[in-house]
Amino acid sequence: MVSFSDLGLSEAFLRTLSQLHIHEPTDIQEKTIPLGLAGKDVIGCSATGSGKTLAFGAGLIENLRHGEGIQSLILAPTRELAEQVGVSLQKFARHTKLHTAIIYGGVGMAPQIDALERADIVVGTPGRILDHLERGSFRLSKIKVLILDEADRMLDMGFIEDVTHIIEACPRDRQTLLFSATISPDIAHIAQRYMKSPSEVSAGERVDPSKLVQTFYDVPKHLKFSLLVHLLKQEKRGLVMVFCNTRHNADFVATHLKANGVQALAIHGGLTQSRRNRIMEIFRTNEFYVLVCTDVAARGLDIKGVSHVYNYDLPPNSKEYIHRIGRTARAGSEGKALSLVSDRDYDNFRMVLRDDTLKIEQTPVPELEPIQLRIERRSSFRGGGRGRPFDSRRGSGRSSGRYGSRGSFGRGRGR
């Protein structure tokens, strides 16, 4: 078995890893660290939670020297991922004088400008990085290493112009590392245009398919929330993630779960950054065990110990579905992915089932006591008036008839 001492790291860095209780490299770390130390360009195909930050961070921390200006820029798609990467790099660099500035929107510019003045490494989201460049807060003229983390997500979120603008502002004589869960044509184009003979590495999925149970319930929409509550209370579980397609649904589900005795928190892009950070702190302490989230808010979050993933709303395609269920059944642990499919989810579920590699079995809906849902007038909801029944005209797709069995979904062939 390969150890970190076999990868060319210094004794000081090895001591730091030991102090952080990091003892064995993951697949992506084993393959990337030697290339990073050697100054090579790298395309890494690896999912969230595979250890990418240490994979590229080791080379940064070993090769950069404090006091030479901002020498490395790391672009991340979301605030949460930027924060997570930045905090990890600060831990990895504890034996050095290197400073890392974490830059994203939703917070004040002034503290970030102060941090940039001391920084050797900058981690940030594309939009806020461009804001600072336009203000002249810092320059990219001394960048030695450029890292694009979760590049596929950045492009999916519409950042391709921002990303290319930032790349072109960096010196051409630099090292570039790009990490992505998938290599799309747009990713391949960026690599071909902006990288120098990159080495391609890939890491096996951390999700163990043999330990992941995937199931779906074909449930009438008026019983969907009742089924969710029933399952959350009946299933043995660790931490739970419930995915919704909209901010409104995430708030609605979390609010009514709490009203029905389930400790839940909602996280989505409509919250302030400080509130999102606080929610993640609470969730990781196990005080609340259910996190209701949207796809955008969940991107980049590496949460350990997730036993169940629920699709309260079905995602629009198999790619998003796979990203969601990849939160569980990691590192040898068992996990469950449960999808609650009502008529308004049928179109999306057909798209998911076009991926023939997915093994999703139908489970009968148990006897349920219907839960009456009413939105109470409270400060967390805009608008007035008395409590009103929840309007279930949400989600995606139109009803196209009920499905009696898995076979009637037809795996999406020819439909």
Protein backbone atom coordinates (compact mmCIF):
# COMPACT_ATOMS: atom_id res chain seq x y z
CA MET A 1 0.00 0.00 0.00
CA VAL A 2 1.30 3.46 -0.95
CA SER A 3 1.86 5.91 1.91
CA PHE A 4 2.30 9.69 1.89
CA SER A 5 6.02 9.20 2.54
CA ASP A 6 6.25 7.50 -0.89
CA LEU A 7 4.92 10.57 -2.72
CA GLY A 8 7.90 12.92 -2.33
CA LEU A 9 6.53 15.11 0.46
CA SER A 10 8.80 16.84 2.99
CA GLU A 11 9.15 15.65 6.57
CA ALA A 12 7.49 18.86 7.78
CA PHE A 13 4.43 18.25 5.60
CA LEU A 14 4.27 14.60 6.64
CA ARG A 15 4.26 15.70 10.30
CA THR A 16 1.37 18.07 9.56
CA LEU A 17 -0.63 15.25 7.96
CA SER A 18 0.05 13.05 10.97
CA GLN A 19 -1.10 15.81 13.33
CA LEU A 20 -4.30 16.10 11.28
CA HIS A 21 -4.78 12.31 11.53
CA ILE A 22 -4.48 11.88 7.77
CA HIS A 23 -2.55 8.66 7.33
CA GLU A 24 -3.29 7.08 3.94
CA PRO A 25 -3.63 8.83 0.58
CA THR A 26 -6.82 8.46 -1.41
CA ASP A 27 -6.69 7.38 -5.03
CA ILE A 28 -6.70 10.93 -6.41
CA GLN A 29 -4.05 12.05 -3.90
CA GLU A 30 -1.74 9.17 -4.74
CA LYS A 31 -1.94 9.99 -8.45
CA THR A 32 -1.92 13.80 -8.29
CA ILE A 33 0.56 14.78 -5.56
CA PRO A 34 3.73 13.66 -7.41
CA LEU A 35 2.59 15.48 -10.56
CA GLY A 36 1.77 18.61 -8.58
CA LEU A 37 5.16 18.58 -6.87
CA ALA A 38 6.83 18.24 -10.28
CA GLY A 39 4.99 21.29 -11.66
CA LYS A 40 2.98 19.33 -14.22
CA ASP A 41 -0.44 20.34 -15.52
CA VAL A 42 -3.12 17.89 -14.39
CA ILE A 43 -6.67 17.01 -15.40
CA GLY A 44 -8.23 15.12 -12.50
CA CYS A 45 -11.53 13.30 -12.88
CA SER A 46 -12.81 12.90 -9.36
CA ALA A 47 -16.00 13.50 -7.39
CA THR A 48 -16.69 15.67 -4.35
CA GLY A 49 -15.28 14.10 -1.21
CA SER A 50 -12.45 12.20 -2.93
CA GLY A 51 -9.69 14.25 -1.31
CA LYS A 52 -8.99 16.71 -4.13
CA THR A 53 -8.02 19.60 -1.83
CA LEU A 54 -5.06 17.75 -0.39
CA ALA A 55 -4.29 16.33 -3.85
CA PHE A 56 -3.59 19.81 -5.25
CA GLY A 57 -2.85 21.54 -1.95
CA ALA A 58 0.22 19.44 -1.15
CA GLY A 59 2.11 20.67 -4.20
CA LEU A 60 1.06 24.28 -3.56
CA ILE A 61 2.24 24.31 0.03
CA GLU A 62 5.49 22.51 -0.74
CA ASN A 63 6.41 24.65 -3.75
CA LEU A 64 5.28 28.19 -2.82
CA ARG A 65 7.18 30.59 -0.58
CA HIS A 66 5.68 33.31 1.60
CA GLY A 67 6.31 36.94 0.72
CA GLU A 68 6.33 36.71 -3.08
CA GLY A 69 2.79 38.03 -3.60
CA ILE A 70 -0.29 36.09 -4.67
CA GLN A 71 1.15 33.03 -6.38
CA SER A 72 -1.82 30.71 -6.64
CA LEU A 73 -5.50 31.13 -7.48
CA ILE A 74 -8.09 28.43 -6.85
CA LEU A 75 -11.53 28.87 -8.45
CA ALA A 76 -14.51 27.09 -6.90
CA PRO A 77 -18.18 27.13 -8.01
CA THR A 78 -19.82 27.93 -4.66
CA ARG A 79 -19.22 29.87 -1.47
CA GLU A 80 -19.36 26.70 0.60
CA LEU A 81 -16.72 24.93 -1.48
CA ALA A 82 -14.45 28.01 -1.47
CA GLU A 83 -14.73 28.20 2.32
CA GLN A 84 -14.13 24.48 2.70
CA VAL A 85 -11.07 24.48 0.42
CA GLY A 86 -9.62 27.61 2.03
CA VAL A 87 -9.97 26.31 5.57
CA SER A 88 -8.39 22.98 4.58
CA LEU A 89 -5.42 24.74 2.95
CA GLN A 90 -4.91 26.82 6.09
CA LYS A 91 -4.70 23.60 8.09
CA PHE A 92 -2.31 21.96 5.62
CA ALA A 93 -0.06 25.06 5.68
CA ARG A 94 0.13 25.29 9.47
CA HIS A 95 3.89 24.59 9.48
CA THR A 96 4.56 27.40 6.95
CA LYS A 97 4.07 31.15 6.77
CA LEU A 98 1.75 30.91 3.77
CA HIS A 99 -1.51 32.88 4.01
CA THR A 100 -4.73 31.89 2.25
CA ALA A 101 -7.47 34.44 1.47
CA ILE A 102 -11.01 33.14 0.94
CA ILE A 103 -13.04 35.32 -1.42
CA TYR A 104 -16.75 34.99 -2.24
CA GLY A 105 -19.90 37.08 -2.52
CA GLY A 106 -22.51 37.73 0.11
CA VAL A 107 -20.07 39.31 2.56
CA GLY A 108 -18.28 42.65 2.74
CA MET A 109 -15.42 43.56 0.41
CA ALA A 110 -13.25 45.41 2.96
CA PRO A 111 -12.17 42.39 5.05
CA GLN A 112 -11.41 40.52 1.85
CA ILE A 113 -9.22 43.36 0.58
CA ASP A 114 -7.27 43.24 3.86
CA ALA A 115 -6.84 39.48 3.49
CA LEU A 116 -5.67 39.84 -0.11
CA GLU A 117 -2.87 42.19 0.95
CA ARG A 118 -1.33 39.40 3.05
CA ALA A 119 -2.23 36.45 0.83
CA ASP A 120 0.00 33.99 -0.96
CA ILE A 121 -2.93 31.81 -2.07
CA VAL A 122 -6.44 32.97 -3.03
CA VAL A 123 -9.49 30.71 -3.07
CA GLY A 124 -12.66 32.20 -4.49
CA THR A 125 -15.75 32.07 -6.65
CA PRO A 126 -15.46 33.45 -10.21
CA GLY A 127 -17.88 36.35 -9.77
CA ARG A 128 -16.27 37.79 -6.65
CA ILE A 129 -12.76 37.26 -8.03
CA LEU A 130 -13.73 39.34 -11.06
CA ASP A 131 -15.21 42.02 -8.77
CA HIS A 132 -11.87 42.36 -6.99
CA LEU A 133 -9.89 42.35 -10.22
CA GLU A 134 -12.07 45.15 -11.60
CA ARG A 135 -11.60 47.14 -8.39
CA GLY A 136 -7.84 46.59 -8.52
CA SER A 137 -7.83 44.82 -5.13
CA PHE A 138 -5.22 42.40 -6.45
CA ARG A 139 -3.54 41.30 -9.64
CA LEU A 140 -2.86 37.95 -11.23
CA SER A 141 0.53 38.84 -12.70
CA LYS A 142 2.45 36.63 -10.23
CA ILE A 143 0.24 33.54 -10.44
CA LYS A 144 2.36 30.41 -10.67
CA VAL A 145 -0.39 27.84 -10.10
CA LEU A 146 -4.02 28.05 -11.26
CA ILE A 147 -6.51 25.47 -10.00
CA LEU A 148 -10.06 24.95 -11.28
CA ASP A 149 -11.97 22.91 -8.71
CA GLU A 150 -15.23 21.23 -9.76
CA ALA A 151 -14.88 22.81 -13.19
CA ASP A 152 -17.96 21.00 -14.51
CA ARG A 153 -20.06 22.65 -11.82
CA MET A 154 -18.72 26.09 -12.64
CA LEU A 155 -19.68 25.66 -16.27
CA ASP A 156 -23.09 24.18 -15.37
CA MET A 157 -23.75 27.29 -13.28
CA GLY A 158 -22.99 29.59 -16.22
CA PHE A 159 -19.51 30.76 -15.20
CA ILE A 160 -17.71 29.81 -18.42
CA GLU A 161 -17.14 33.43 -19.53
CA ASP A 162 -15.97 34.49 -16.07
CA VAL A 163 -13.64 31.51 -15.84
CA THR A 164 -12.07 32.06 -19.26
CA HIS A 165 -11.66 35.79 -18.52
CA ILE A 166 -9.79 34.95 -15.30
CA ILE A 167 -7.64 32.30 -16.99
CA GLU A 168 -6.62 34.74 -19.70
CA ALA A 169 -5.63 37.31 -17.06
CA CYS A 170 -3.11 34.86 -15.56
CA PRO A 171 0.46 34.52 -16.86
CA ARG A 172 0.77 31.96 -19.63
CA ASP A 173 3.83 30.47 -17.97
CA ARG A 174 2.08 28.73 -15.09
CA GLN A 175 0.98 25.35 -13.81
CA THR A 176 -2.72 24.54 -14.22
CA LEU A 177 -4.68 21.82 -12.46
CA LEU A 178 -8.30 21.14 -13.39
CA PHE A 179 -10.63 18.87 -11.43
CA SER A 180 -14.04 17.75 -12.60
CA ALA A 181 -16.44 14.89 -11.91
CA THR A 182 -17.00 14.58 -15.68
CA ILE A 183 -15.04 15.73 -18.72
CA SER A 184 -17.56 17.45 -21.00
CA PRO A 185 -16.71 18.95 -24.41
CA ASP A 186 -16.50 22.41 -22.79
CA ILE A 187 -14.06 21.09 -20.16
CA ALA A 188 -12.01 19.40 -22.88
CA HIS A 189 -11.93 22.68 -24.83
CA ILE A 190 -10.65 24.62 -21.82
CA ALA A 191 -7.98 21.99 -21.22
CA GLN A 192 -6.86 22.02 -24.86
CA ARG A 193 -6.74 25.81 -25.03
CA TYR A 194 -5.25 26.72 -21.67
CA MET A 195 -3.20 23.74 -20.44
CA LYS A 196 0.22 22.42 -21.40
CA SER A 197 0.36 18.67 -22.15
CA PRO A 198 -1.70 17.84 -19.06
CA SER A 199 -1.47 14.47 -17.36
CA GLU A 200 -4.88 12.88 -16.96
CA VAL A 201 -5.69 11.09 -13.73
CA SER A 202 -8.93 9.61 -12.48
CA ALA A 203 -10.02 8.30 -9.15
CA GLY A 204 -12.47 5.54 -8.47
CA GLU A 205 -15.78 6.60 -6.98
CA ARG A 206 -15.79 6.56 -3.22
CA VAL A 207 -19.37 5.40 -3.31
CA ASP A 208 -19.56 1.60 -2.95
CA PRO A 209 -22.38 0.44 -5.26
CA SER A 210 -22.64 -2.86 -3.40
CA LYS A 211 -23.53 -0.99 -0.21
CA LEU A 212 -25.95 1.52 -1.79
CA VAL A 213 -29.64 0.64 -1.91
CA GLN A 214 -31.64 2.71 -4.40
CA THR A 215 -35.40 2.66 -4.21
CA PHE A 216 -38.38 4.74 -5.29
CA TYR A 217 -41.96 5.14 -4.11
CA ASP A 218 -44.73 5.97 -6.58
CA VAL A 219 -46.74 8.11 -4.18
CA PRO A 220 -49.82 10.32 -4.64
CA LYS A 221 -48.76 13.92 -4.32
CA HIS A 222 -51.06 14.57 -1.35
CA LEU A 223 -49.23 11.83 0.59
CA LYS A 224 -45.69 12.74 -0.45
CA PHE A 225 -44.81 14.74 2.65
CA SER A 226 -46.53 12.21 4.89
CA LEU A 227 -44.36 9.48 3.37
CA LEU A 228 -41.21 11.52 3.94
CA VAL A 229 -42.05 11.98 7.63
CA HIS A 230 -42.91 8.29 7.97
CA LEU A 231 -39.61 7.17 6.42
CA LEU A 232 -37.51 9.62 8.41
CA LYS A 233 -39.02 8.31 11.63
CA GLN A 234 -38.92 4.62 10.69
CA GLU A 235 -35.54 4.26 8.98
CA LYS A 236 -32.44 3.68 11.06
CA ARG A 237 -30.16 6.49 10.05
CA GLY A 238 -27.17 8.70 10.60
CA LEU A 239 -27.16 12.10 8.91
CA VAL A 240 -29.80 12.64 6.24
CA MET A 241 -29.91 14.88 3.17
CA VAL A 242 -33.25 15.73 1.55
CA PHE A 243 -33.03 17.32 -1.91
CA CYS A 244 -35.56 19.79 -3.29
CA ASN A 245 -35.51 21.59 -6.62
CA THR A 246 -36.38 25.07 -5.32
CA ARG A 247 -35.62 27.30 -2.36
CA HIS A 248 -39.33 27.52 -1.58
CA ASN A 249 -39.66 23.75 -1.35
CA ALA A 250 -36.56 23.45 0.82
CA ASP A 251 -37.94 26.00 3.29
CA PHE A 252 -41.38 24.43 3.18
CA VAL A 253 -40.13 20.89 3.81
CA ALA A 254 -37.74 21.89 6.62
CA THR A 255 -40.39 24.02 8.36
CA HIS A 256 -43.02 21.29 8.29
CA LEU A 257 -40.58 18.54 9.25
CA LYS A 258 -39.80 20.50 12.43
CA ALA A 259 -43.53 20.97 13.02
CA ASN A 260 -43.87 17.18 12.86
CA GLY A 261 -41.08 16.33 15.26
CA VAL A 262 -38.16 15.93 12.83
CA GLN A 263 -35.09 18.07 13.54
CA ALA A 264 -34.37 19.62 10.14
CA LEU A 265 -32.55 22.61 8.70
CA ALA A 266 -32.80 24.11 5.20
CA ILE A 267 -29.85 25.44 3.21
CA HIS A 268 -30.09 27.19 -0.15
CA GLY A 269 -28.76 30.14 -2.10
CA GLY A 270 -31.33 32.55 -0.68
CA LEU A 271 -29.68 32.57 2.75
CA THR A 272 -26.87 34.90 3.79
CA GLN A 273 -23.43 33.35 3.88
CA SER A 274 -23.17 33.70 7.66
CA ARG A 275 -26.49 31.87 8.04
CA ARG A 276 -25.36 29.09 5.70
CA ASN A 277 -22.12 28.69 7.64
CA ARG A 278 -24.03 28.53 10.91
CA ILE A 279 -26.41 25.89 9.54
CA MET A 280 -23.50 23.68 8.48
CA GLU A 281 -21.88 24.07 11.90
CA ILE A 282 -25.11 22.97 13.59
CA PHE A 283 -25.64 20.08 11.18
CA ARG A 284 -22.13 18.73 11.71
CA THR A 285 -22.65 18.67 15.49
CA ASN A 286 -25.58 16.23 14.99
CA GLU A 287 -27.90 18.56 16.89
CA PHE A 288 -30.07 18.43 13.78
CA TYR A 289 -29.81 15.32 11.63
CA VAL A 290 -31.77 16.27 8.49
CA LEU A 291 -30.41 18.80 6.00
CA VAL A 292 -32.93 19.93 3.39
CA CYS A 293 -31.08 21.45 0.46
CA THR A 294 -31.09 22.50 -3.16
CA ASP A 295 -28.51 21.17 -5.62
CA VAL A 296 -26.70 24.51 -5.88
CA ALA A 297 -26.35 24.89 -2.10
CA ALA A 298 -25.14 21.29 -1.71
CA ARG A 299 -22.42 21.54 -4.35
CA GLY A 300 -19.00 21.20 -2.82
CA LEU A 301 -20.25 20.24 0.62
CA ASP A 302 -18.33 17.20 1.85
CA ILE A 303 -20.44 15.84 4.71
CA LYS A 304 -19.29 12.65 6.35
CA GLY A 305 -21.66 10.10 7.83
CA VAL A 306 -24.64 10.58 5.50
CA SER A 307 -26.69 7.37 5.68
CA HIS A 308 -29.74 8.41 3.63
CA VAL A 309 -30.36 10.66 0.66
CA TYR A 310 -33.97 11.52 -0.17
CA ASN A 311 -35.12 12.97 -3.46
CA TYR A 312 -38.22 14.86 -2.39
CA ASP A 313 -38.17 16.49 -5.82
CA LEU A 314 -36.64 14.47 -8.64
CA PRO A 315 -33.67 16.04 -10.43
CA PRO A 316 -33.97 16.73 -14.16
CA ASN A 317 -31.39 14.18 -15.31
CA SER A 318 -29.27 11.21 -14.24
CA LYS A 319 -26.15 13.35 -13.81
CA GLU A 320 -27.74 15.37 -11.01
CA TYR A 321 -29.23 12.21 -9.53
CA ILE A 322 -25.82 10.56 -9.36
CA HIS A 323 -24.32 13.65 -7.74
CA ARG A 324 -27.03 13.55 -5.09
CA ILE A 325 -26.83 9.87 -4.22
CA GLY A 326 -23.03 10.05 -4.16
CA ARG A 327 -23.34 11.63 -0.72
CA THR A 328 -23.93 8.26 0.91
CA ALA A 329 -22.44 4.71 0.91
CA ARG A 330 -18.92 6.07 1.17
CA ALA A 331 -15.79 4.53 2.63
CA GLY A 332 -17.35 1.10 3.13
CA SER A 333 -20.49 2.36 4.88
CA GLU A 334 -23.98 1.33 3.85
CA GLY A 335 -26.34 3.91 2.44
CA LYS A 336 -29.80 4.38 0.99
CA ALA A 337 -31.09 6.65 -1.77
CA LEU A 338 -34.87 7.01 -1.70
CA SER A 339 -36.89 8.87 -4.34
CA LEU A 340 -40.44 10.05 -3.69
CA VAL A 341 -42.05 10.11 -7.13
CA SER A 342 -45.43 11.76 -7.63
CA ASP A 343 -47.13 12.70 -10.88
CA ARG A 344 -45.26 15.97 -11.28
CA ASP A 345 -41.95 14.09 -11.02
CA TYR A 346 -42.64 11.57 -13.78
CA ASP A 347 -40.98 13.48 -16.61
CA ASN A 348 -37.83 14.04 -14.57
CA PHE A 349 -37.77 10.44 -13.38
CA ARG A 350 -37.94 9.21 -16.98
CA MET A 351 -34.83 11.27 -17.70
CA VAL A 352 -33.04 9.78 -14.69
CA LEU A 353 -33.93 6.24 -15.78
CA ARG A 354 -32.34 6.73 -19.18
CA ASP A 355 -29.09 5.80 -17.45
CA ASP A 356 -29.17 2.00 -17.67
CA THR A 357 -26.44 1.65 -15.04
CA LEU A 358 -28.79 2.83 -12.29
CA LYS A 359 -30.49 0.08 -10.31
CA ILE A 360 -33.54 1.69 -8.73
CA GLU A 361 -36.16 -0.71 -7.39
CA GLN A 362 -39.74 0.18 -6.56
CA THR A 363 -40.99 -0.17 -2.99
CA PRO A 364 -44.73 -0.17 -2.19
CA VAL A 365 -46.04 2.86 -0.34
CA PRO A 366 -46.93 1.82 3.24
CA GLU A 367 -50.17 2.69 4.98
CA LEU A 368 -49.92 6.35 5.92
CA GLU A 369 -51.75 8.76 8.16
CA PRO A 370 -52.15 11.88 5.98
CA ILE A 371 -50.54 14.98 7.45
CA GLN A 372 -52.51 18.17 6.91
CA LEU A 373 -50.14 20.85 5.68
CA ARG A 374 -50.84 24.52 6.15
CA ILE A 375 -48.41 27.38 5.87
CA GLU A 376 -48.69 29.45 9.01
CA ARG A 377 -48.19 33.17 8.89
CA ARG A 378 -44.68 33.74 10.14
CA SER A 379 -41.71 35.96 9.45
CA SER A 380 -39.87 33.33 7.44
CA PHE A 381 -42.58 33.45 4.76
CA ARG A 382 -43.45 36.52 2.80
CA GLY A 383 -47.01 37.53 2.27
CA GLY A 384 -49.95 37.75 4.59
CA GLY A 385 -53.34 36.32 5.18
CA ARG A 386 -54.42 33.37 7.20
CA GLY A 387 -52.90 29.94 6.93
CA ARG A 388 -53.54 28.38 3.56
CA PRO A 389 -53.07 24.88 2.14
CA PHE A 390 -49.68 24.33 0.57
CA ASP A 391 -49.85 24.78 -3.20
CA SER A 392 -48.33 21.61 -4.58
CA ARG A 393 -48.06 23.08 -8.07
CA ARG A 394 -44.31 23.07 -7.81
CA GLY A 395 -41.55 20.88 -9.08
CA SER A 396 -40.93 20.09 -12.71
CA GLY A 397 -42.71 18.33 -15.48
CA ARG A 398 -46.41 17.73 -16.06
CA SER A 399 -48.44 14.79 -15.00
CA SER A 400 -48.50 12.06 -17.61
CA GLY A 401 -50.50 9.37 -15.86
CA ARG A 402 -49.63 7.12 -12.94
CA TYR A 403 -47.13 4.31 -13.10
CA GLY A 404 -47.97 0.97 -11.56
CA SER A 405 -44.55 -0.67 -11.74
CA ARG A 406 -40.92 -0.07 -12.57
CA GLY A 407 -41.43 -1.65 -15.95
CA SER A 408 -43.95 0.99 -16.93
CA PHE A 409 -41.26 3.65 -16.58
CA GLY A 410 -39.68 1.94 -19.55
CA ARG A 411 -36.18 3.10 -18.71
CA GLY A 412 -36.85 6.06 -20.97
CA ARG A 413 -36.20 4.09 -24.14
CA GLY A 414 -37.78 5.67 -27.16
CA ARG A 415 -39.80 8.09 -25.05
